[in-house]
Amino acid sequence: MATDLSASFNEQYISINTKLKKRFLRKPNISEATNEFIALAIQCEHSEQPSFAGQTYIGAAKCEASAGNFLGEAEQHLAAARQFMKAEKKLAALKFDSPDRENLEAAIGCYMWALVKYPEKSPLRTSILLELAEGLVDLNYKNEALVYYEEAVESIEDKTMKLMCLRNMFNLLLDCDKYEQALDTANQICDSNFHIPEGILTEIQVCRILLVLLVSPDEDTKSESLKQLLEHLLNDEESDSIPFNTDLRLKLQSIIISSSARDQPALISVAADTKQHLTLRQKDLLQTLVLQNKPE
């Protein structure tokens, strides 16, 4: 049945493609071919054949390019990218190995083709980068996704959207164990002039404390806000930058002191009492810190 479908697809694709060839004294009808490619792509989508649909949307994109409709070309490449990404996720869901990543590489290529057709500051470029990054995360290519998240962050001007994107990138850096970059990103968030909701600020600040203990940056490389955070916490000073409840504040103080003294038993004890206040990622950071503090 799959062979029959493939044969039917090839016949229809070739038939449409043939119409684009120049004939004597007659120009090809590009508009008609575009519409037929799109109709065939939709037919493939309904038949749950995303890879075929992707190929056909590329055919439509080439037609749009021939007609000089570059935004239409971008739209069709984007449609193709989504179908190729869907095909790759379908293979992943079925636990099929895809060593050459044929569908994924096609998706990335189509996303990039669509990207360059939009103006540099267009929000659509940001949306494309974020969509690609999120697709890669879904497929567990998190390190690769970071590249597109970083590019997206640079293109965002809206403060709220930039904050959300930086936070997602920060969490992804934690997932990839890139602690130095994660600390730099957390500093960037806290040193910005964004309005940061209290819940997000608490989450980021707890992570900064754990990260600075893990990374141990030189004193002269610490940001001023990071120095103040540690100073206010250890001196038990009230500050808007540390919206912690009393219990969490005391636990974090104990973690800093235990870690600085490389007292693993004390750190293990306080960690057990602190985990109830932490997110999953923060628990992972704390566990890594405990392991890092093994006696030499």
C-alpha atoms as a PDB file:
ATOM      1  CA  MET A   1       0.000   0.000   0.000  1.00  0.00           C
ATOM      2  CA  ALA A   2       2.856   2.365   0.865  1.00  0.00           C
ATOM      3  CA  THR A   3       4.421   1.525  -2.524  1.00  0.00           C
ATOM      4  CA  ASP A   4       1.145   2.340  -4.303  1.00  0.00           C
ATOM      5  CA  LEU A   5       0.941   5.658  -2.464  1.00  0.00           C
ATOM      6  CA  SER A   6       4.552   6.462  -3.333  1.00  0.00           C
ATOM      7  CA  ALA A   7       3.929   5.637  -6.999  1.00  0.00           C
ATOM      8  CA  SER A   8       0.773   7.772  -7.039  1.00  0.00           C
ATOM      9  CA  PHE A   9       2.628  10.665  -5.412  1.00  0.00           C
ATOM     10  CA  ASN A  10       5.524  10.423  -7.884  1.00  0.00           C
ATOM     11  CA  GLU A  11       3.149  10.366 -10.856  1.00  0.00           C
ATOM     12  CA  GLN A  12       1.252  13.434  -9.674  1.00  0.00           C
ATOM     13  CA  TYR A  13       4.437  15.295  -8.746  1.00  0.00           C
ATOM     14  CA  ILE A  14       6.036  14.596 -12.134  1.00  0.00           C
ATOM     15  CA  SER A  15       2.813  15.586 -13.903  1.00  0.00           C
ATOM     16  CA  ILE A  16       2.777  18.988 -12.162  1.00  0.00           C
ATOM     17  CA  ASN A  17       6.489  19.462 -12.708  1.00  0.00           C
ATOM     18  CA  THR A  18       6.111  18.771 -16.432  1.00  0.00           C
ATOM     19  CA  LYS A  19       3.755  21.735 -16.726  1.00  0.00           C
ATOM     20  CA  LEU A  20       6.601  24.019 -15.669  1.00  0.00           C
ATOM     21  CA  LYS A  21       8.747  23.109 -18.658  1.00  0.00           C
ATOM     22  CA  LYS A  22       8.785  25.710 -21.419  1.00  0.00           C
ATOM     23  CA  ARG A  23       6.970  24.773 -24.586  1.00  0.00           C
ATOM     24  CA  PHE A  24       7.322  26.352 -28.024  1.00  0.00           C
ATOM     25  CA  LEU A  25       5.778  29.857 -27.965  1.00  0.00           C
ATOM     26  CA  ARG A  26       4.084  29.119 -24.649  1.00  0.00           C
ATOM     27  CA  LYS A  27       5.066  30.111 -21.136  1.00  0.00           C
ATOM     28  CA  PRO A  28       4.427  27.680 -18.275  1.00  0.00           C
ATOM     29  CA  ASN A  29       1.446  28.457 -16.049  1.00  0.00           C
ATOM     30  CA  ILE A  30       3.315  28.945 -12.754  1.00  0.00           C
ATOM     31  CA  SER A  31       0.217  29.968 -10.801  1.00  0.00           C
ATOM     32  CA  GLU A  32      -1.638  26.799 -11.809  1.00  0.00           C
ATOM     33  CA  ALA A  33       1.352  24.622 -10.916  1.00  0.00           C
ATOM     34  CA  THR A  34       1.683  26.335  -7.522  1.00  0.00           C
ATOM     35  CA  ASN A  35      -1.943  25.635  -6.680  1.00  0.00           C
ATOM     36  CA  GLU A  36      -1.608  22.007  -7.796  1.00  0.00           C
ATOM     37  CA  PHE A  37       1.526  21.499  -5.707  1.00  0.00           C
ATOM     38  CA  ILE A  38      -0.265  22.912  -2.655  1.00  0.00           C
ATOM     39  CA  ALA A  39      -3.321  20.715  -3.298  1.00  0.00           C
ATOM     40  CA  LEU A  40      -1.078  17.641  -3.578  1.00  0.00           C
ATOM     41  CA  ALA A  41       0.753  18.621  -0.376  1.00  0.00           C
ATOM     42  CA  ILE A  42      -2.552  18.900   1.503  1.00  0.00           C
ATOM     43  CA  GLN A  43      -3.581  15.499   0.106  1.00  0.00           C
ATOM     44  CA  CYS A  44      -0.312  14.043   1.451  1.00  0.00           C
ATOM     45  CA  GLU A  45      -0.947  15.652   4.845  1.00  0.00           C
ATOM     46  CA  HIS A  46      -4.390  14.048   5.019  1.00  0.00           C
ATOM     47  CA  SER A  47      -2.795  10.704   4.122  1.00  0.00           C
ATOM     48  CA  GLU A  48      -0.344  11.117   7.023  1.00  0.00           C
ATOM     49  CA  GLN A  49       2.643  11.319   4.673  1.00  0.00           C
ATOM     50  CA  PRO A  50       4.451  14.430   5.974  1.00  0.00           C
ATOM     51  CA  SER A  51       7.694  13.704   4.106  1.00  0.00           C
ATOM     52  CA  PHE A  52       5.870  13.677   0.750  1.00  0.00           C
ATOM     53  CA  ALA A  53       3.981  16.818   1.792  1.00  0.00           C
ATOM     54  CA  GLY A  54       7.260  18.549   2.590  1.00  0.00           C
ATOM     55  CA  GLN A  55       8.713  17.716  -0.817  1.00  0.00           C
ATOM     56  CA  THR A  56       5.603  19.040  -2.518  1.00  0.00           C
ATOM     57  CA  TYR A  57       5.610  22.314  -0.569  1.00  0.00           C
ATOM     58  CA  ILE A  58       9.198  22.780  -1.767  1.00  0.00           C
ATOM     59  CA  GLY A  59       7.851  22.427  -5.318  1.00  0.00           C
ATOM     60  CA  ALA A  60       5.336  25.185  -4.541  1.00  0.00           C
ATOM     61  CA  ALA A  61       8.136  27.315  -3.058  1.00  0.00           C
ATOM     62  CA  LYS A  62      10.166  27.001  -6.272  1.00  0.00           C
ATOM     63  CA  CYS A  63       7.125  28.137  -8.245  1.00  0.00           C
ATOM     64  CA  GLU A  64       6.706  31.181  -5.992  1.00  0.00           C
ATOM     65  CA  ALA A  65      10.407  31.987  -6.450  1.00  0.00           C
ATOM     66  CA  SER A  66      10.056  31.754 -10.244  1.00  0.00           C
ATOM     67  CA  ALA A  67       7.167  34.216 -10.062  1.00  0.00           C
ATOM     68  CA  GLY A  68       9.242  36.610  -7.919  1.00  0.00           C
ATOM     69  CA  ASN A  69       6.904  36.184  -4.941  1.00  0.00           C
ATOM     70  CA  PHE A  70       9.556  35.848  -2.236  1.00  0.00           C
ATOM     71  CA  LEU A  71       7.151  36.049   0.704  1.00  0.00           C
ATOM     72  CA  GLY A  72       5.065  33.308  -0.887  1.00  0.00           C
ATOM     73  CA  GLU A  73       8.279  31.303  -1.317  1.00  0.00           C
ATOM     74  CA  ALA A  74       9.053  31.776   2.391  1.00  0.00           C
ATOM     75  CA  GLU A  75       5.532  30.680   3.350  1.00  0.00           C
ATOM     76  CA  GLN A  76       5.810  27.456   1.323  1.00  0.00           C
ATOM     77  CA  HIS A  77       9.286  26.694   2.678  1.00  0.00           C
ATOM     78  CA  LEU A  78       7.923  27.157   6.183  1.00  0.00           C
ATOM     79  CA  ALA A  79       5.073  24.752   5.418  1.00  0.00           C
ATOM     80  CA  ALA A  80       7.634  22.264   4.091  1.00  0.00           C
ATOM     81  CA  ALA A  81       9.806  22.653   7.193  1.00  0.00           C
ATOM     82  CA  ARG A  82       6.875  21.857   9.472  1.00  0.00           C
ATOM     83  CA  GLN A  83       6.037  18.720   7.522  1.00  0.00           C
ATOM     84  CA  PHE A  84       9.636  17.464   7.550  1.00  0.00           C
ATOM     85  CA  MET A  85       9.825  18.163  11.289  1.00  0.00           C
ATOM     86  CA  LYS A  86       6.573  16.260  11.758  1.00  0.00           C
ATOM     87  CA  ALA A  87       8.030  13.337   9.785  1.00  0.00           C
ATOM     88  CA  GLU A  88      11.156  13.283  11.987  1.00  0.00           C
ATOM     89  CA  LYS A  89       9.059  13.372  15.175  1.00  0.00           C
ATOM     90  CA  LYS A  90       6.896  10.555  13.810  1.00  0.00           C
ATOM     91  CA  LEU A  91      10.014   8.378  13.379  1.00  0.00           C
ATOM     92  CA  ALA A  92      11.213   9.317  16.869  1.00  0.00           C
ATOM     93  CA  ALA A  93       7.824   8.417  18.388  1.00  0.00           C
ATOM     94  CA  LEU A  94       8.006   5.013  16.696  1.00  0.00           C
ATOM     95  CA  LYS A  95      11.560   4.548  18.107  1.00  0.00           C
ATOM     96  CA  PHE A  96      13.004   4.294  14.591  1.00  0.00           C
ATOM     97  CA  ASP A  97      16.660   5.208  14.342  1.00  0.00           C
ATOM     98  CA  SER A  98      17.384   8.085  11.966  1.00  0.00           C
ATOM     99  CA  PRO A  99      21.194   8.311  11.811  1.00  0.00           C
ATOM    100  CA  ASP A 100      21.308  10.502   8.699  1.00  0.00           C
ATOM    101  CA  ARG A 101      18.471  12.725  10.041  1.00  0.00           C
ATOM    102  CA  GLU A 102      17.171  13.112   6.489  1.00  0.00           C
ATOM    103  CA  ASN A 103      13.835  14.682   7.451  1.00  0.00           C
ATOM    104  CA  LEU A 104      15.334  16.827  10.200  1.00  0.00           C
ATOM    105  CA  GLU A 105      18.082  18.182   7.938  1.00  0.00           C
ATOM    106  CA  ALA A 106      15.446  18.969   5.308  1.00  0.00           C
ATOM    107  CA  ALA A 107      13.383  20.769   7.969  1.00  0.00           C
ATOM    108  CA  ILE A 108      16.351  22.854   9.133  1.00  0.00           C
ATOM    109  CA  GLY A 109      17.221  23.734   5.538  1.00  0.00           C
ATOM    110  CA  CYS A 110      13.654  24.866   4.806  1.00  0.00           C
ATOM    111  CA  TYR A 111      13.449  26.910   8.014  1.00  0.00           C
ATOM    112  CA  MET A 112      16.673  28.672   7.003  1.00  0.00           C
ATOM    113  CA  TRP A 113      15.404  29.306   3.480  1.00  0.00           C
ATOM    114  CA  ALA A 114      12.253  30.881   4.922  1.00  0.00           C
ATOM    115  CA  LEU A 115      14.265  32.887   7.460  1.00  0.00           C
ATOM    116  CA  VAL A 116      16.411  34.755   4.925  1.00  0.00           C
ATOM    117  CA  LYS A 117      13.372  35.933   2.987  1.00  0.00           C
ATOM    118  CA  TYR A 118      12.175  38.136   5.850  1.00  0.00           C
ATOM    119  CA  PRO A 119      13.704  41.496   6.890  1.00  0.00           C
ATOM    120  CA  GLU A 120      16.377  41.304   9.596  1.00  0.00           C
ATOM    121  CA  LYS A 121      14.237  42.802  12.382  1.00  0.00           C
ATOM    122  CA  SER A 122      11.028  41.016  11.392  1.00  0.00           C
ATOM    123  CA  PRO A 123       9.262  39.245  14.298  1.00  0.00           C
ATOM    124  CA  LEU A 124       8.651  36.394  11.847  1.00  0.00           C
ATOM    125  CA  ARG A 125      12.397  35.634  11.852  1.00  0.00           C
ATOM    126  CA  THR A 126      12.278  35.321  15.647  1.00  0.00           C
ATOM    127  CA  SER A 127       9.216  33.064  15.448  1.00  0.00           C
ATOM    128  CA  ILE A 128      10.950  30.795  12.935  1.00  0.00           C
ATOM    129  CA  LEU A 129      14.086  30.507  15.093  1.00  0.00           C
ATOM    130  CA  LEU A 130      12.045  29.730  18.208  1.00  0.00           C
ATOM    131  CA  GLU A 131       9.892  27.190  16.368  1.00  0.00           C
ATOM    132  CA  LEU A 132      12.999  25.403  15.085  1.00  0.00           C
ATOM    133  CA  ALA A 133      14.639  25.497  18.526  1.00  0.00           C
ATOM    134  CA  GLU A 134      11.548  24.051  20.209  1.00  0.00           C
ATOM    135  CA  GLY A 135      11.332  21.308  17.574  1.00  0.00           C
ATOM    136  CA  LEU A 136      14.947  20.343  18.245  1.00  0.00           C
ATOM    137  CA  VAL A 137      14.267  20.277  21.996  1.00  0.00           C
ATOM    138  CA  ASP A 138      11.311  17.949  21.409  1.00  0.00           C
ATOM    139  CA  LEU A 139      13.685  15.616  19.528  1.00  0.00           C
ATOM    140  CA  ASN A 140      16.234  15.893  22.366  1.00  0.00           C
ATOM    141  CA  TYR A 141      18.798  17.825  20.306  1.00  0.00           C
ATOM    142  CA  LYS A 142      19.110  20.370  23.081  1.00  0.00           C
ATOM    143  CA  ASN A 143      22.664  21.531  22.417  1.00  0.00           C
ATOM    144  CA  GLU A 144      21.742  22.202  18.798  1.00  0.00           C
ATOM    145  CA  ALA A 145      18.602  24.066  19.885  1.00  0.00           C
ATOM    146  CA  LEU A 146      20.708  26.482  21.943  1.00  0.00           C
ATOM    147  CA  VAL A 147      22.251  27.935  18.768  1.00  0.00           C
ATOM    148  CA  TYR A 148      18.833  29.015  17.481  1.00  0.00           C
ATOM    149  CA  TYR A 149      17.638  30.224  20.908  1.00  0.00           C
ATOM    150  CA  GLU A 150      20.705  32.483  21.148  1.00  0.00           C
ATOM    151  CA  GLU A 151      20.061  33.883  17.677  1.00  0.00           C
ATOM    152  CA  ALA A 152      16.403  34.461  18.519  1.00  0.00           C
ATOM    153  CA  VAL A 153      17.248  36.297  21.770  1.00  0.00           C
ATOM    154  CA  GLU A 154      19.489  38.719  19.860  1.00  0.00           C
ATOM    155  CA  SER A 155      16.652  39.603  17.487  1.00  0.00           C
ATOM    156  CA  ILE A 156      13.956  40.247  20.140  1.00  0.00           C
ATOM    157  CA  GLU A 157      13.207  43.824  21.165  1.00  0.00           C
ATOM    158  CA  ASP A 158      10.043  43.351  23.224  1.00  0.00           C
ATOM    159  CA  LYS A 159      11.159  43.102  26.870  1.00  0.00           C
ATOM    160  CA  THR A 160       8.555  40.596  28.044  1.00  0.00           C
ATOM    161  CA  MET A 161       9.211  38.251  25.138  1.00  0.00           C
ATOM    162  CA  LYS A 162      12.979  38.629  25.586  1.00  0.00           C
ATOM    163  CA  LEU A 163      12.678  37.726  29.273  1.00  0.00           C
ATOM    164  CA  MET A 164      10.652  34.602  28.499  1.00  0.00           C
ATOM    165  CA  CYS A 165      13.084  33.551  25.779  1.00  0.00           C
ATOM    166  CA  LEU A 166      16.123  34.136  28.021  1.00  0.00           C
ATOM    167  CA  ARG A 167      14.474  32.095  30.757  1.00  0.00           C
ATOM    168  CA  ASN A 168      13.814  29.217  28.354  1.00  0.00           C
ATOM    169  CA  MET A 169      17.405  29.408  27.127  1.00  0.00           C
ATOM    170  CA  PHE A 170      18.638  29.473  30.738  1.00  0.00           C
ATOM    171  CA  ASN A 171      16.676  26.307  31.565  1.00  0.00           C
ATOM    172  CA  LEU A 172      18.012  24.649  28.429  1.00  0.00           C
ATOM    173  CA  LEU A 173      21.591  25.513  29.434  1.00  0.00           C
ATOM    174  CA  LEU A 174      20.946  23.855  32.796  1.00  0.00           C
ATOM    175  CA  ASP A 175      19.589  20.761  31.038  1.00  0.00           C
ATOM    176  CA  CYS A 176      22.802  20.629  28.961  1.00  0.00           C
ATOM    177  CA  ASP A 177      25.013  21.049  32.082  1.00  0.00           C
ATOM    178  CA  LYS A 178      26.471  24.266  30.652  1.00  0.00           C
ATOM    179  CA  TYR A 179      26.764  25.886  34.058  1.00  0.00           C
ATOM    180  CA  GLU A 180      29.099  28.776  33.199  1.00  0.00           C
ATOM    181  CA  GLN A 181      26.900  29.887  30.312  1.00  0.00           C
ATOM    182  CA  ALA A 182      23.814  29.391  32.491  1.00  0.00           C
ATOM    183  CA  LEU A 183      25.274  31.676  35.164  1.00  0.00           C
ATOM    184  CA  ASP A 184      26.110  34.311  32.537  1.00  0.00           C
ATOM    185  CA  THR A 185      22.537  34.124  31.217  1.00  0.00           C
ATOM    186  CA  ALA A 186      21.064  34.359  34.733  1.00  0.00           C
ATOM    187  CA  ASN A 187      23.241  37.427  35.359  1.00  0.00           C
ATOM    188  CA  GLN A 188      22.034  38.936  32.089  1.00  0.00           C
ATOM    189  CA  ILE A 189      18.419  38.438  33.161  1.00  0.00           C
ATOM    190  CA  CYS A 190      18.947  39.962  36.617  1.00  0.00           C
ATOM    191  CA  ASP A 191      21.101  42.841  35.354  1.00  0.00           C
ATOM    192  CA  SER A 192      18.546  43.840  32.724  1.00  0.00           C
ATOM    193  CA  ASN A 193      15.885  46.463  33.242  1.00  0.00           C
ATOM    194  CA  PHE A 194      13.091  43.912  32.757  1.00  0.00           C
ATOM    195  CA  HIS A 195      10.159  43.721  35.120  1.00  0.00           C
ATOM    196  CA  ILE A 196      10.700  40.211  36.489  1.00  0.00           C
ATOM    197  CA  PRO A 197       7.717  38.586  38.241  1.00  0.00           C
ATOM    198  CA  GLU A 198       8.562  37.518  41.804  1.00  0.00           C
ATOM    199  CA  GLY A 199       8.182  33.797  41.115  1.00  0.00           C
ATOM    200  CA  ILE A 200      10.615  33.911  38.193  1.00  0.00           C
ATOM    201  CA  LEU A 201      13.032  36.135  40.131  1.00  0.00           C
ATOM    202  CA  THR A 202      13.068  33.683  43.061  1.00  0.00           C
ATOM    203  CA  GLU A 203      13.700  30.785  40.683  1.00  0.00           C
ATOM    204  CA  ILE A 204      16.579  32.566  38.922  1.00  0.00           C
ATOM    205  CA  GLN A 205      18.192  33.855  42.120  1.00  0.00           C
ATOM    206  CA  VAL A 206      18.218  30.421  43.790  1.00  0.00           C
ATOM    207  CA  CYS A 207      19.835  29.019  40.654  1.00  0.00           C
ATOM    208  CA  ARG A 208      22.434  31.822  40.626  1.00  0.00           C
ATOM    209  CA  ILE A 209      23.445  30.955  44.190  1.00  0.00           C
ATOM    210  CA  LEU A 210      23.832  27.264  43.380  1.00  0.00           C
ATOM    211  CA  LEU A 211      25.602  28.007  40.094  1.00  0.00           C
ATOM    212  CA  VAL A 212      28.139  30.394  41.611  1.00  0.00           C
ATOM    213  CA  LEU A 213      29.065  27.654  44.117  1.00  0.00           C
ATOM    214  CA  LEU A 214      29.422  25.133  41.288  1.00  0.00           C
ATOM    215  CA  VAL A 215      31.321  27.358  38.853  1.00  0.00           C
ATOM    216  CA  SER A 216      33.429  29.259  41.433  1.00  0.00           C
ATOM    217  CA  PRO A 217      34.151  32.260  39.179  1.00  0.00           C
ATOM    218  CA  ASP A 218      36.978  34.650  40.047  1.00  0.00           C
ATOM    219  CA  GLU A 219      35.856  37.513  42.247  1.00  0.00           C
ATOM    220  CA  ASP A 220      36.639  40.117  39.582  1.00  0.00           C
ATOM    221  CA  THR A 221      34.460  38.314  37.019  1.00  0.00           C
ATOM    222  CA  LYS A 222      31.341  38.268  39.202  1.00  0.00           C
ATOM    223  CA  SER A 223      28.684  40.790  38.243  1.00  0.00           C
ATOM    224  CA  GLU A 224      27.895  43.481  40.783  1.00  0.00           C
ATOM    225  CA  SER A 225      24.357  42.183  41.233  1.00  0.00           C
ATOM    226  CA  LEU A 226      25.714  38.694  41.975  1.00  0.00           C
ATOM    227  CA  LYS A 227      28.120  40.061  44.593  1.00  0.00           C
ATOM    228  CA  GLN A 228      25.267  42.004  46.196  1.00  0.00           C
ATOM    229  CA  LEU A 229      23.019  38.931  46.167  1.00  0.00           C
ATOM    230  CA  LEU A 230      25.582  36.881  48.093  1.00  0.00           C
ATOM    231  CA  GLU A 231      26.425  39.762  50.438  1.00  0.00           C
ATOM    232  CA  HIS A 232      22.789  40.514  51.292  1.00  0.00           C
ATOM    233  CA  LEU A 233      22.010  36.829  51.791  1.00  0.00           C
ATOM    234  CA  LEU A 234      24.976  36.087  54.065  1.00  0.00           C
ATOM    235  CA  ASN A 235      24.478  39.291  56.068  1.00  0.00           C
ATOM    236  CA  ASP A 236      20.755  38.590  56.347  1.00  0.00           C
ATOM    237  CA  GLU A 237      19.884  41.947  54.785  1.00  0.00           C
ATOM    238  CA  GLU A 238      16.472  42.633  53.302  1.00  0.00           C
ATOM    239  CA  SER A 239      16.487  43.269  49.561  1.00  0.00           C
ATOM    240  CA  ASP A 240      14.016  43.194  46.675  1.00  0.00           C
ATOM    241  CA  SER A 241      16.527  41.045  44.791  1.00  0.00           C
ATOM    242  CA  ILE A 242      16.128  38.117  47.219  1.00  0.00           C
ATOM    243  CA  PRO A 243      12.398  37.445  47.614  1.00  0.00           C
ATOM    244  CA  PHE A 244      12.944  34.256  49.664  1.00  0.00           C
ATOM    245  CA  ASN A 245      10.906  33.133  52.635  1.00  0.00           C
ATOM    246  CA  THR A 246      12.792  32.879  55.951  1.00  0.00           C
ATOM    247  CA  ASP A 247      13.219  29.106  55.827  1.00  0.00           C
ATOM    248  CA  LEU A 248      14.644  29.100  52.288  1.00  0.00           C
ATOM    249  CA  ARG A 249      16.930  32.028  53.157  1.00  0.00           C
ATOM    250  CA  LEU A 250      18.389  30.117  56.140  1.00  0.00           C
ATOM    251  CA  LYS A 251      18.821  26.953  54.076  1.00  0.00           C
ATOM    252  CA  LEU A 252      20.665  28.827  51.316  1.00  0.00           C
ATOM    253  CA  GLN A 253      22.951  30.466  53.883  1.00  0.00           C
ATOM    254  CA  SER A 254      23.801  27.005  55.249  1.00  0.00           C
ATOM    255  CA  ILE A 255      24.452  25.674  51.738  1.00  0.00           C
ATOM    256  CA  ILE A 256      26.891  28.527  50.998  1.00  0.00           C
ATOM    257  CA  ILE A 257      28.751  28.026  54.289  1.00  0.00           C
ATOM    258  CA  SER A 258      28.897  24.205  53.976  1.00  0.00           C
ATOM    259  CA  SER A 259      30.030  24.338  50.356  1.00  0.00           C
ATOM    260  CA  SER A 260      32.670  26.990  51.026  1.00  0.00           C
ATOM    261  CA  ALA A 261      34.042  24.813  53.852  1.00  0.00           C
ATOM    262  CA  ARG A 262      33.817  21.702  51.601  1.00  0.00           C
ATOM    263  CA  ASP A 263      31.877  20.043  54.408  1.00  0.00           C
ATOM    264  CA  GLN A 264      30.024  17.373  52.465  1.00  0.00           C
ATOM    265  CA  PRO A 265      28.211  15.756  55.442  1.00  0.00           C
ATOM    266  CA  ALA A 266      26.807  19.142  56.466  1.00  0.00           C
ATOM    267  CA  LEU A 267      25.892  19.873  52.842  1.00  0.00           C
ATOM    268  CA  ILE A 268      24.116  16.523  52.493  1.00  0.00           C
ATOM    269  CA  SER A 269      22.135  17.246  55.656  1.00  0.00           C
ATOM    270  CA  VAL A 270      21.023  20.726  54.644  1.00  0.00           C
ATOM    271  CA  ALA A 271      20.319  19.578  51.063  1.00  0.00           C
ATOM    272  CA  ALA A 272      17.819  16.988  52.332  1.00  0.00           C
ATOM    273  CA  ASP A 273      15.923  19.730  54.192  1.00  0.00           C
ATOM    274  CA  THR A 274      16.123  22.224  51.305  1.00  0.00           C
ATOM    275  CA  LYS A 275      14.783  20.108  48.433  1.00  0.00           C
ATOM    276  CA  GLN A 276      11.159  20.720  49.395  1.00  0.00           C
ATOM    277  CA  HIS A 277      11.674  24.378  48.380  1.00  0.00           C
ATOM    278  CA  LEU A 278      13.358  23.642  45.041  1.00  0.00           C
ATOM    279  CA  THR A 279      12.359  22.980  41.441  1.00  0.00           C
ATOM    280  CA  LEU A 280      13.566  19.818  39.691  1.00  0.00           C
ATOM    281  CA  ARG A 281      16.410  21.687  37.991  1.00  0.00           C
ATOM    282  CA  GLN A 282      17.458  23.285  41.269  1.00  0.00           C
ATOM    283  CA  LYS A 283      17.465  19.863  42.942  1.00  0.00           C
ATOM    284  CA  ASP A 284      19.761  18.605  40.171  1.00  0.00           C
ATOM    285  CA  LEU A 285      22.105  21.567  40.721  1.00  0.00           C
ATOM    286  CA  LEU A 286      22.179  20.933  44.459  1.00  0.00           C
ATOM    287  CA  GLN A 287      22.876  17.227  43.950  1.00  0.00           C
ATOM    288  CA  THR A 288      25.741  18.104  41.582  1.00  0.00           C
ATOM    289  CA  LEU A 289      27.090  20.496  44.202  1.00  0.00           C
ATOM    290  CA  VAL A 290      26.966  17.770  46.873  1.00  0.00           C
ATOM    291  CA  LEU A 291      28.897  15.372  44.615  1.00  0.00           C
ATOM    292  CA  GLN A 292      31.402  18.080  43.751  1.00  0.00           C
ATOM    293  CA  ASN A 293      32.121  18.607  47.448  1.00  0.00           C
ATOM    294  CA  LYS A 294      33.472  15.113  48.084  1.00  0.00           C
ATOM    295  CA  PRO A 295      36.491  15.224  50.429  1.00  0.00           C
ATOM    296  CA  GLU A 296      39.790  15.041  48.542  1.00  0.00           C
END
